[in-house]
Amino acid sequence: MDSNLFQNPAFANMSQEKMQFLLSFAGKSKPTNSKDIMPFLLANMKQAKAQNLDFTKPEVQLICEMLSKDLPEAERARVQKLMALFAMR
């Protein structure tokens, strides 16, 4: 995950606990296709919930953008469609 992630304004007022979780998340091996991104993200969000950490929709969106930035264009488009559905909730 890009180290510039933490300079994004969406993370400006983030708690230390969330930052630690994201640093751990950033160190994990990331999926290489859109099919695996959502299960990977959901598993990590479940882990966050177990630690009583809740991420805002903008935070989750930014994390998904960072996860998909190195995917081929077609895969990135699929992730963007999934995120659009997520945003409707």
Protein backbone atom coordinates (compact mmCIF):
# COMPACT_ATOMS: atom_id res chain seq x y z
CA MET A 1 0.00 0.00 0.00
CA ASP A 2 1.25 3.46 -0.87
CA SER A 3 2.85 5.33 2.04
CA ASN A 4 1.09 8.51 0.82
CA LEU A 5 -2.15 6.93 2.01
CA PHE A 6 -1.67 8.34 5.48
CA GLN A 7 -1.18 11.87 4.13
CA ASN A 8 -4.68 11.83 2.65
CA PRO A 9 -7.07 14.28 4.42
CA ALA A 10 -9.55 11.42 4.96
CA PHE A 11 -7.14 10.08 7.57
CA ALA A 12 -6.18 13.39 9.21
CA ASN A 13 -8.14 12.83 12.44
CA MET A 14 -7.89 9.05 12.60
CA SER A 15 -7.39 7.39 15.97
CA GLN A 16 -4.08 5.76 16.81
CA GLU A 17 -5.80 2.36 16.94
CA LYS A 18 -7.09 2.73 13.38
CA MET A 19 -3.70 3.89 12.18
CA GLN A 20 -2.05 0.81 13.74
CA PHE A 21 -4.62 -1.44 12.10
CA LEU A 22 -4.00 0.20 8.72
CA LEU A 23 -0.24 -0.12 9.10
CA SER A 24 -0.73 -3.83 9.75
CA PHE A 25 -3.13 -4.01 6.79
CA ALA A 26 -0.61 -2.23 4.57
CA GLY A 27 1.97 -4.91 5.34
CA LYS A 28 -0.22 -7.76 4.16
CA SER A 29 0.04 -9.37 0.74
CA LYS A 30 -2.70 -7.86 -1.44
CA PRO A 31 -4.94 -9.63 -3.96
CA THR A 32 -3.95 -9.35 -7.60
CA ASN A 33 -7.44 -9.41 -9.12
CA SER A 34 -10.80 -7.79 -8.47
CA LYS A 35 -12.45 -11.13 -7.64
CA ASP A 36 -10.27 -11.48 -4.55
CA ILE A 37 -10.26 -7.86 -3.37
CA MET A 38 -13.71 -7.79 -1.79
CA PRO A 39 -13.28 -11.03 0.23
CA PHE A 40 -9.87 -9.76 1.33
CA LEU A 41 -11.33 -6.40 2.33
CA LEU A 42 -14.33 -7.93 4.08
CA ALA A 43 -12.13 -10.33 6.07
CA ASN A 44 -9.98 -7.41 7.20
CA MET A 45 -13.02 -5.31 8.05
CA LYS A 46 -14.33 -8.20 10.14
CA GLN A 47 -11.01 -8.27 11.96
CA ALA A 48 -11.28 -4.52 12.52
CA LYS A 49 -14.79 -4.92 13.89
CA ALA A 50 -13.50 -7.58 16.31
CA GLN A 51 -11.10 -4.90 17.57
CA ASN A 52 -14.01 -2.43 17.88
CA LEU A 53 -12.71 -0.35 14.96
CA ASP A 54 -15.21 1.18 12.55
CA PHE A 55 -14.09 2.81 9.32
CA THR A 56 -16.14 5.48 7.60
CA LYS A 57 -17.33 5.00 4.03
CA PRO A 58 -14.75 7.51 2.74
CA GLU A 59 -12.00 5.61 4.56
CA VAL A 60 -13.13 2.27 3.10
CA GLN A 61 -13.43 3.82 -0.34
CA LEU A 62 -9.91 5.17 -0.17
CA ILE A 63 -8.57 1.83 1.01
CA CYS A 64 -10.27 0.10 -1.95
CA GLU A 65 -8.83 2.67 -4.33
CA MET A 66 -5.37 1.97 -2.96
CA LEU A 67 -5.90 -1.80 -3.24
CA SER A 68 -7.02 -1.57 -6.86
CA LYS A 69 -4.58 1.05 -8.14
CA ASP A 70 -2.16 -1.53 -9.59
CA LEU A 71 -4.82 -3.72 -11.20
CA PRO A 72 -5.40 -3.78 -14.95
CA GLU A 73 -8.00 -1.26 -16.14
CA ALA A 74 -10.79 -3.85 -16.56
CA GLU A 75 -10.22 -5.20 -13.03
CA ARG A 76 -10.08 -1.67 -11.60
CA ALA A 77 -13.41 -0.87 -13.31
CA ARG A 78 -15.00 -3.90 -11.61
CA VAL A 79 -13.78 -2.73 -8.22
CA GLN A 80 -15.16 0.76 -8.90
CA LYS A 81 -18.57 -0.75 -9.76
CA LEU A 82 -18.53 -2.74 -6.52
CA MET A 83 -17.63 0.38 -4.58
CA ALA A 84 -20.49 2.28 -6.23
CA LEU A 85 -22.85 -0.41 -4.97
CA PHE A 86 -21.29 -0.19 -1.52
CA ALA A 87 -21.74 3.60 -1.49
CA MET A 88 -25.48 3.17 -2.09
CA ARG A 89 -25.93 1.54 1.33
